[in-house]
Structure formats: structure tokens, C-alpha cells
Amino acid sequence: MARHEIDYVRPLVHRHEPVTVESWVTKIGAASLTIAYEIKDPDTVYVRASTVVVPFDLEAQRPRRISAEERSFLEEYVDDGMTAAA
């Protein structure tokens, strides 16, 4: 992870009912991608967040570019029409 932002929109107090966590890709660059999230129930959004992820080559100990195979997989989850924390 290179960056993580969280906007706490509404308090989410302890309860037994589940909440939904939705995630989607908002941006795919050459060497990073951004994933957005919402924690919500049908009537309320409690949290909006986004994370910038950078692929890392463990052997070389440095960031690396996103491969064509990874890009193809990630493109299935792109939805830049939804917005999370900017």
C-alpha cells in the first residue's frame, strides 16, 4: 500500500446485523492501482475509503509495473463512475 484514505460518514455502532462492504477499482496506472470501498447497509453509507496499491517485486525489493495479465484481471472490476474518498 502506498496510500490509504478513510472518510467516516456515519457512526456504526455494535450490532448483530451484518453490513455490506463493496469494493471496486477506480484507476489502473502503469505501476499502481486505486481501490475504493464503501461500508454500508441498504439505507446508510458508514465509511468511504480508497487505497493506492503498488505491486512490489519481493526478490528485487522494489516496486514493479502492473503486468498485462494483472491489468486484464483488474479491468473486470473498474467502475470510475462511483466515487470514494478523493
N, C-alpha and C. Protein backbone atom coordinates (compact mmCIF):
# COMPACT_ATOMS: atom_id res chain seq x y z
N MET A 1 0.84 -1.18 0.00
CA MET A 1 0.00 0.00 0.00
C MET A 1 0.88 1.24 0.00
N ALA A 2 0.50 2.17 -0.83
CA ALA A 2 1.22 3.44 -0.87
C ALA A 2 0.44 4.54 -0.16
N ARG A 3 -0.88 4.41 -0.15
CA ARG A 3 -1.72 5.45 0.46
C ARG A 3 -3.07 4.84 0.82
N HIS A 4 -3.62 5.31 1.93
CA HIS A 4 -4.95 4.85 2.34
C HIS A 4 -5.69 6.04 2.93
N GLU A 5 -6.91 6.28 2.46
CA GLU A 5 -7.76 7.36 2.98
C GLU A 5 -9.08 6.79 3.44
N ILE A 6 -9.59 7.29 4.56
CA ILE A 6 -10.87 6.84 5.08
C ILE A 6 -11.70 8.06 5.46
N ASP A 7 -12.94 8.07 5.01
CA ASP A 7 -13.91 9.08 5.45
C ASP A 7 -14.97 8.35 6.26
N TYR A 8 -15.07 8.69 7.52
CA TYR A 8 -16.10 8.12 8.38
C TYR A 8 -17.34 8.99 8.24
N VAL A 9 -18.33 8.48 7.54
CA VAL A 9 -19.51 9.26 7.17
C VAL A 9 -20.55 9.27 8.29
N ARG A 10 -20.82 8.11 8.88
CA ARG A 10 -21.80 7.96 9.97
C ARG A 10 -21.26 6.97 10.99
N PRO A 11 -21.64 7.13 12.24
CA PRO A 11 -21.22 6.15 13.25
C PRO A 11 -21.83 4.77 12.97
N LEU A 12 -21.04 3.75 13.15
CA LEU A 12 -21.50 2.37 13.02
C LEU A 12 -21.28 1.71 14.37
N VAL A 13 -22.36 1.61 15.12
CA VAL A 13 -22.27 1.06 16.47
C VAL A 13 -22.40 -0.46 16.42
N HIS A 14 -21.97 -1.10 17.48
CA HIS A 14 -22.07 -2.56 17.55
C HIS A 14 -23.51 -3.01 17.34
N ARG A 15 -23.67 -4.03 16.52
CA ARG A 15 -24.98 -4.59 16.26
C ARG A 15 -24.79 -6.00 15.72
N HIS A 16 -25.84 -6.77 15.70
CA HIS A 16 -25.74 -8.15 15.23
C HIS A 16 -26.04 -8.27 13.74
N GLU A 17 -26.68 -7.26 13.14
CA GLU A 17 -26.98 -7.29 11.72
C GLU A 17 -25.71 -7.02 10.92
N PRO A 18 -25.53 -7.75 9.84
CA PRO A 18 -24.32 -7.52 9.03
C PRO A 18 -24.40 -6.24 8.22
N VAL A 19 -23.25 -5.74 7.81
CA VAL A 19 -23.16 -4.63 6.87
C VAL A 19 -22.53 -5.18 5.59
N THR A 20 -22.62 -4.42 4.54
CA THR A 20 -22.05 -4.80 3.26
C THR A 20 -20.77 -4.00 3.04
N VAL A 21 -19.73 -4.67 2.57
CA VAL A 21 -18.50 -3.99 2.17
C VAL A 21 -18.37 -4.18 0.66
N GLU A 22 -18.46 -3.09 -0.07
CA GLU A 22 -18.31 -3.14 -1.53
C GLU A 22 -16.95 -2.56 -1.88
N SER A 23 -16.30 -3.16 -2.87
CA SER A 23 -15.02 -2.63 -3.34
C SER A 23 -14.97 -2.70 -4.86
N TRP A 24 -14.24 -1.77 -5.46
CA TRP A 24 -14.11 -1.71 -6.90
C TRP A 24 -12.83 -0.95 -7.23
N VAL A 25 -12.35 -1.12 -8.44
CA VAL A 25 -11.14 -0.43 -8.90
C VAL A 25 -11.57 0.87 -9.57
N THR A 26 -10.93 1.98 -9.17
CA THR A 26 -11.26 3.27 -9.79
C THR A 26 -10.20 3.74 -10.77
N LYS A 27 -8.98 3.20 -10.65
CA LYS A 27 -7.91 3.66 -11.55
C LYS A 27 -6.85 2.57 -11.64
N ILE A 28 -6.37 2.35 -12.86
CA ILE A 28 -5.25 1.44 -13.09
C ILE A 28 -4.18 2.23 -13.84
N GLY A 29 -3.04 2.41 -13.20
CA GLY A 29 -1.92 3.10 -13.85
C GLY A 29 -0.90 2.09 -14.31
N ALA A 30 0.27 2.58 -14.68
CA ALA A 30 1.35 1.70 -15.15
C ALA A 30 1.94 0.89 -14.00
N ALA A 31 2.01 1.51 -12.81
CA ALA A 31 2.66 0.85 -11.67
C ALA A 31 1.88 1.01 -10.37
N SER A 32 0.59 1.33 -10.49
CA SER A 32 -0.25 1.42 -9.29
C SER A 32 -1.71 1.29 -9.68
N LEU A 33 -2.54 1.00 -8.70
CA LEU A 33 -3.98 0.98 -8.91
C LEU A 33 -4.65 1.53 -7.67
N THR A 34 -5.86 2.02 -7.84
CA THR A 34 -6.62 2.55 -6.72
C THR A 34 -7.88 1.72 -6.56
N ILE A 35 -8.10 1.28 -5.33
CA ILE A 35 -9.29 0.51 -4.98
C ILE A 35 -10.14 1.37 -4.05
N ALA A 36 -11.44 1.47 -4.33
CA ALA A 36 -12.36 2.22 -3.48
C ALA A 36 -13.24 1.23 -2.72
N TYR A 37 -13.74 1.68 -1.57
CA TYR A 37 -14.58 0.83 -0.71
C TYR A 37 -15.71 1.65 -0.13
N GLU A 38 -16.82 0.98 0.14
CA GLU A 38 -17.89 1.54 0.97
C GLU A 38 -18.35 0.47 1.94
N ILE A 39 -18.56 0.88 3.17
CA ILE A 39 -19.18 0.01 4.17
C ILE A 39 -20.56 0.60 4.40
N LYS A 40 -21.60 -0.25 4.20
CA LYS A 40 -22.95 0.30 4.22
C LYS A 40 -23.98 -0.78 4.51
N ASP A 41 -25.19 -0.32 4.70
CA ASP A 41 -26.35 -1.21 4.69
C ASP A 41 -27.30 -0.60 3.66
N PRO A 42 -28.48 -1.17 3.45
CA PRO A 42 -29.33 -0.65 2.36
C PRO A 42 -29.67 0.84 2.45
N ASP A 43 -29.71 1.39 3.65
CA ASP A 43 -30.15 2.79 3.80
C ASP A 43 -29.04 3.78 4.11
N THR A 44 -27.85 3.31 4.50
CA THR A 44 -26.83 4.20 5.04
C THR A 44 -25.43 3.80 4.61
N VAL A 45 -24.63 4.79 4.21
CA VAL A 45 -23.20 4.57 3.99
C VAL A 45 -22.49 5.03 5.26
N TYR A 46 -21.68 4.15 5.83
CA TYR A 46 -20.96 4.47 7.07
C TYR A 46 -19.52 4.91 6.81
N VAL A 47 -18.88 4.28 5.83
CA VAL A 47 -17.48 4.56 5.55
C VAL A 47 -17.25 4.56 4.04
N ARG A 48 -16.44 5.52 3.59
CA ARG A 48 -15.91 5.53 2.22
C ARG A 48 -14.40 5.55 2.35
N ALA A 49 -13.73 4.74 1.57
CA ALA A 49 -12.27 4.68 1.66
C ALA A 49 -11.67 4.40 0.30
N SER A 50 -10.38 4.68 0.19
CA SER A 50 -9.65 4.31 -1.03
C SER A 50 -8.21 3.97 -0.65
N THR A 51 -7.65 3.06 -1.43
CA THR A 51 -6.28 2.61 -1.20
C THR A 51 -5.54 2.61 -2.53
N VAL A 52 -4.34 3.19 -2.53
CA VAL A 52 -3.46 3.11 -3.68
C VAL A 52 -2.51 1.94 -3.41
N VAL A 53 -2.52 0.97 -4.33
CA VAL A 53 -1.71 -0.23 -4.19
C VAL A 53 -0.62 -0.20 -5.25
N VAL A 54 0.60 -0.52 -4.83
CA VAL A 54 1.73 -0.58 -5.75
C VAL A 54 2.28 -2.00 -5.74
N PRO A 55 2.29 -2.69 -6.88
CA PRO A 55 2.89 -4.03 -6.91
C PRO A 55 4.36 -3.95 -6.52
N PHE A 56 4.83 -4.98 -5.84
CA PHE A 56 6.20 -4.96 -5.31
C PHE A 56 6.89 -6.27 -5.66
N ASP A 57 8.09 -6.17 -6.18
CA ASP A 57 8.91 -7.33 -6.50
C ASP A 57 9.72 -7.67 -5.25
N LEU A 58 9.33 -8.74 -4.55
CA LEU A 58 10.00 -9.10 -3.30
C LEU A 58 11.46 -9.47 -3.51
N GLU A 59 11.74 -10.15 -4.61
CA GLU A 59 13.12 -10.57 -4.87
C GLU A 59 14.03 -9.37 -5.13
N ALA A 60 13.56 -8.44 -5.95
CA ALA A 60 14.35 -7.25 -6.28
C ALA A 60 14.23 -6.16 -5.22
N GLN A 61 13.24 -6.30 -4.33
CA GLN A 61 12.98 -5.31 -3.27
C GLN A 61 12.72 -3.91 -3.84
N ARG A 62 11.81 -3.88 -4.84
CA ARG A 62 11.43 -2.59 -5.41
C ARG A 62 10.05 -2.69 -6.06
N PRO A 63 9.39 -1.55 -6.25
CA PRO A 63 8.09 -1.57 -6.93
C PRO A 63 8.27 -2.07 -8.36
N ARG A 64 7.17 -2.57 -8.93
CA ARG A 64 7.20 -3.05 -10.30
C ARG A 64 5.96 -2.58 -11.04
N ARG A 65 5.98 -2.74 -12.34
CA ARG A 65 4.84 -2.35 -13.17
C ARG A 65 3.74 -3.42 -13.09
N ILE A 66 2.54 -3.02 -13.40
CA ILE A 66 1.41 -3.95 -13.45
C ILE A 66 1.52 -4.73 -14.76
N SER A 67 1.43 -6.04 -14.67
CA SER A 67 1.55 -6.88 -15.86
C SER A 67 0.27 -6.82 -16.69
N ALA A 68 0.37 -7.22 -17.95
CA ALA A 68 -0.80 -7.26 -18.84
C ALA A 68 -1.86 -8.20 -18.28
N GLU A 69 -1.44 -9.32 -17.72
CA GLU A 69 -2.38 -10.28 -17.13
C GLU A 69 -3.10 -9.67 -15.92
N GLU A 70 -2.35 -8.97 -15.07
CA GLU A 70 -2.97 -8.32 -13.91
C GLU A 70 -3.93 -7.23 -14.35
N ARG A 71 -3.52 -6.43 -15.33
CA ARG A 71 -4.38 -5.35 -15.85
C ARG A 71 -5.68 -5.92 -16.39
N SER A 72 -5.59 -6.99 -17.16
CA SER A 72 -6.77 -7.63 -17.73
C SER A 72 -7.72 -8.09 -16.63
N PHE A 73 -7.18 -8.69 -15.58
CA PHE A 73 -8.00 -9.14 -14.45
C PHE A 73 -8.64 -7.95 -13.75
N LEU A 74 -7.87 -6.93 -13.46
CA LEU A 74 -8.37 -5.77 -12.72
C LEU A 74 -9.42 -4.99 -13.49
N GLU A 75 -9.31 -4.95 -14.80
CA GLU A 75 -10.26 -4.19 -15.61
C GLU A 75 -11.69 -4.71 -15.45
N GLU A 76 -11.85 -5.95 -15.04
CA GLU A 76 -13.18 -6.52 -14.76
C GLU A 76 -13.87 -5.79 -13.61
N TYR A 77 -13.09 -5.13 -12.75
CA TYR A 77 -13.61 -4.52 -11.54
C TYR A 77 -13.58 -3.00 -11.56
N VAL A 78 -13.28 -2.41 -12.71
CA VAL A 78 -13.21 -0.95 -12.82
C VAL A 78 -14.61 -0.37 -12.85
N ASP A 79 -14.81 0.63 -12.03
CA ASP A 79 -16.05 1.42 -12.04
C ASP A 79 -15.66 2.82 -11.60
N ASP A 80 -15.27 3.66 -12.54
CA ASP A 80 -14.87 5.01 -12.18
C ASP A 80 -16.05 5.96 -12.06
N GLY A 81 -17.25 5.46 -12.28
CA GLY A 81 -18.44 6.28 -12.11
C GLY A 81 -18.83 6.42 -10.65
N MET A 82 -18.38 5.49 -9.79
CA MET A 82 -18.64 5.59 -8.36
C MET A 82 -17.46 6.33 -7.74
N THR A 83 -17.73 7.07 -6.68
CA THR A 83 -16.63 7.81 -6.06
C THR A 83 -16.49 7.41 -4.61
N ALA A 84 -15.27 7.29 -4.20
CA ALA A 84 -14.93 7.05 -2.79
C ALA A 84 -14.13 8.26 -2.34
N ALA A 85 -13.40 8.11 -1.26
CA ALA A 85 -12.61 9.22 -0.76
C ALA A 85 -11.67 9.71 -1.86
N ALA A 86 -11.68 11.00 -2.08
CA ALA A 86 -10.85 11.55 -3.16
C ALA A 86 -9.43 11.77 -2.71
